[in-house]
């Protein structure tokens, strides 16, 4: 299983902090994101309009990154704000 962690606006939209998805051999981060979007159609609208950050086992990763059974994937929306 792959444990997916949701943060900020995604967590609010889905009403979930995390959930598990089945691992498939050869699976990439992009494959997992497609599974998340299929289960939660509202995610497509969120991710289409913003550049999200993805981390696999607390390491920033690209959508082509391979996954392994037991990985933890964090989906973080873009950060906004800054210094005055």
Protein backbone atom coordinates (compact mmCIF):
# COMPACT_ATOMS: atom_id res chain seq x y z
CA UNK A 1 0.00 0.00 0.00
CA UNK A 2 0.99 3.61 -0.58
CA UNK A 3 0.01 6.06 2.16
CA UNK A 4 -1.03 9.43 0.74
CA UNK A 5 -0.96 12.51 2.99
CA UNK A 6 -3.05 15.57 2.13
CA UNK A 7 -2.31 19.12 3.30
CA UNK A 8 -3.97 22.55 3.43
CA UNK A 9 -6.62 23.17 0.73
CA UNK A 10 -6.56 19.54 -0.44
CA UNK A 11 -7.15 18.27 3.10
CA UNK A 12 -10.05 20.72 3.46
CA UNK A 13 -11.56 19.86 0.05
CA UNK A 14 -11.41 16.09 0.59
CA UNK A 15 -12.09 16.11 4.32
CA UNK A 16 -9.18 13.67 4.73
CA UNK A 17 -5.70 13.89 6.21
CA UNK A 18 -4.53 10.66 4.60
CA UNK A 19 -5.61 7.46 2.90
CA UNK A 20 -4.02 4.33 1.45
CA UNK A 21 -3.95 3.24 -2.19
CA UNK A 22 -2.93 -0.19 -3.49
CA UNK A 23 0.61 -0.50 -4.84
CA UNK A 24 1.13 -2.01 -8.30
CA UNK A 25 4.55 -3.18 -9.55
CA UNK A 26 6.14 -0.53 -11.75
CA UNK A 27 3.92 2.20 -10.34
CA UNK A 28 5.09 5.81 -10.61
CA UNK A 29 4.05 8.90 -8.70
CA UNK A 30 2.07 9.95 -11.79
CA UNK A 31 0.16 6.66 -11.73
CA UNK A 32 -0.70 7.21 -8.08
CA UNK A 33 -1.86 10.77 -8.78
CA UNK A 34 -4.15 9.42 -11.52
CA UNK A 35 -5.59 6.96 -8.98
CA UNK A 36 -6.18 9.81 -6.51
CA UNK A 37 -7.89 11.94 -9.20
CA UNK A 38 -10.07 8.99 -10.23
CA UNK A 39 -11.22 8.42 -6.67
CA UNK A 40 -11.62 12.16 -5.95
CA UNK A 41 -12.76 13.92 -9.17
CA UNK A 42 -12.45 17.32 -7.43
CA UNK A 43 -8.68 16.85 -7.32
CA UNK A 44 -8.41 17.32 -11.10
CA UNK A 45 -9.76 20.87 -10.83
CA UNK A 46 -7.41 21.69 -7.95
CA UNK A 47 -4.27 20.29 -9.54
CA UNK A 48 -5.02 21.70 -13.01
CA UNK A 49 -5.04 25.28 -11.77
CA UNK A 50 -2.02 25.16 -9.45
CA UNK A 51 1.48 23.78 -9.33
CA UNK A 52 1.57 21.21 -6.56
CA UNK A 53 4.58 19.84 -4.74
CA UNK A 54 4.91 16.09 -4.28
CA UNK A 55 7.17 14.31 -1.80
CA UNK A 56 7.89 10.60 -1.63
CA UNK A 57 9.19 9.57 1.78
CA UNK A 58 9.79 13.26 2.61
CA UNK A 59 11.85 13.85 -0.54
CA UNK A 60 10.55 16.17 -3.28
CA UNK A 61 9.77 14.01 -6.31
CA UNK A 62 8.69 14.29 -9.94
CA UNK A 63 5.67 12.49 -11.38
CA UNK A 64 7.93 9.99 -13.18
CA UNK A 65 9.49 8.87 -9.87
CA UNK A 66 9.04 5.15 -9.19
CA UNK A 67 7.16 4.09 -6.07
CA UNK A 68 7.65 1.09 -3.81
CA UNK A 69 5.19 -0.74 -1.62
CA UNK A 70 5.00 1.04 1.73
CA UNK A 71 6.00 4.48 0.44
CA UNK A 72 4.50 7.64 1.91
CA UNK A 73 3.46 10.34 -0.57
CA UNK A 74 2.64 13.90 0.48
CA UNK A 75 0.61 16.17 -1.79
CA UNK A 76 1.20 19.82 -0.93
CA UNK A 77 -0.52 22.77 -2.60
CA UNK A 78 1.61 25.74 -3.62
CA UNK A 79 2.61 27.96 -0.75
CA UNK A 80 1.58 31.58 -0.91
CA UNK A 81 2.56 34.66 0.99
CA UNK A 82 5.92 36.10 1.74
CA UNK A 83 7.68 38.79 3.68
CA UNK A 84 6.35 42.31 4.12
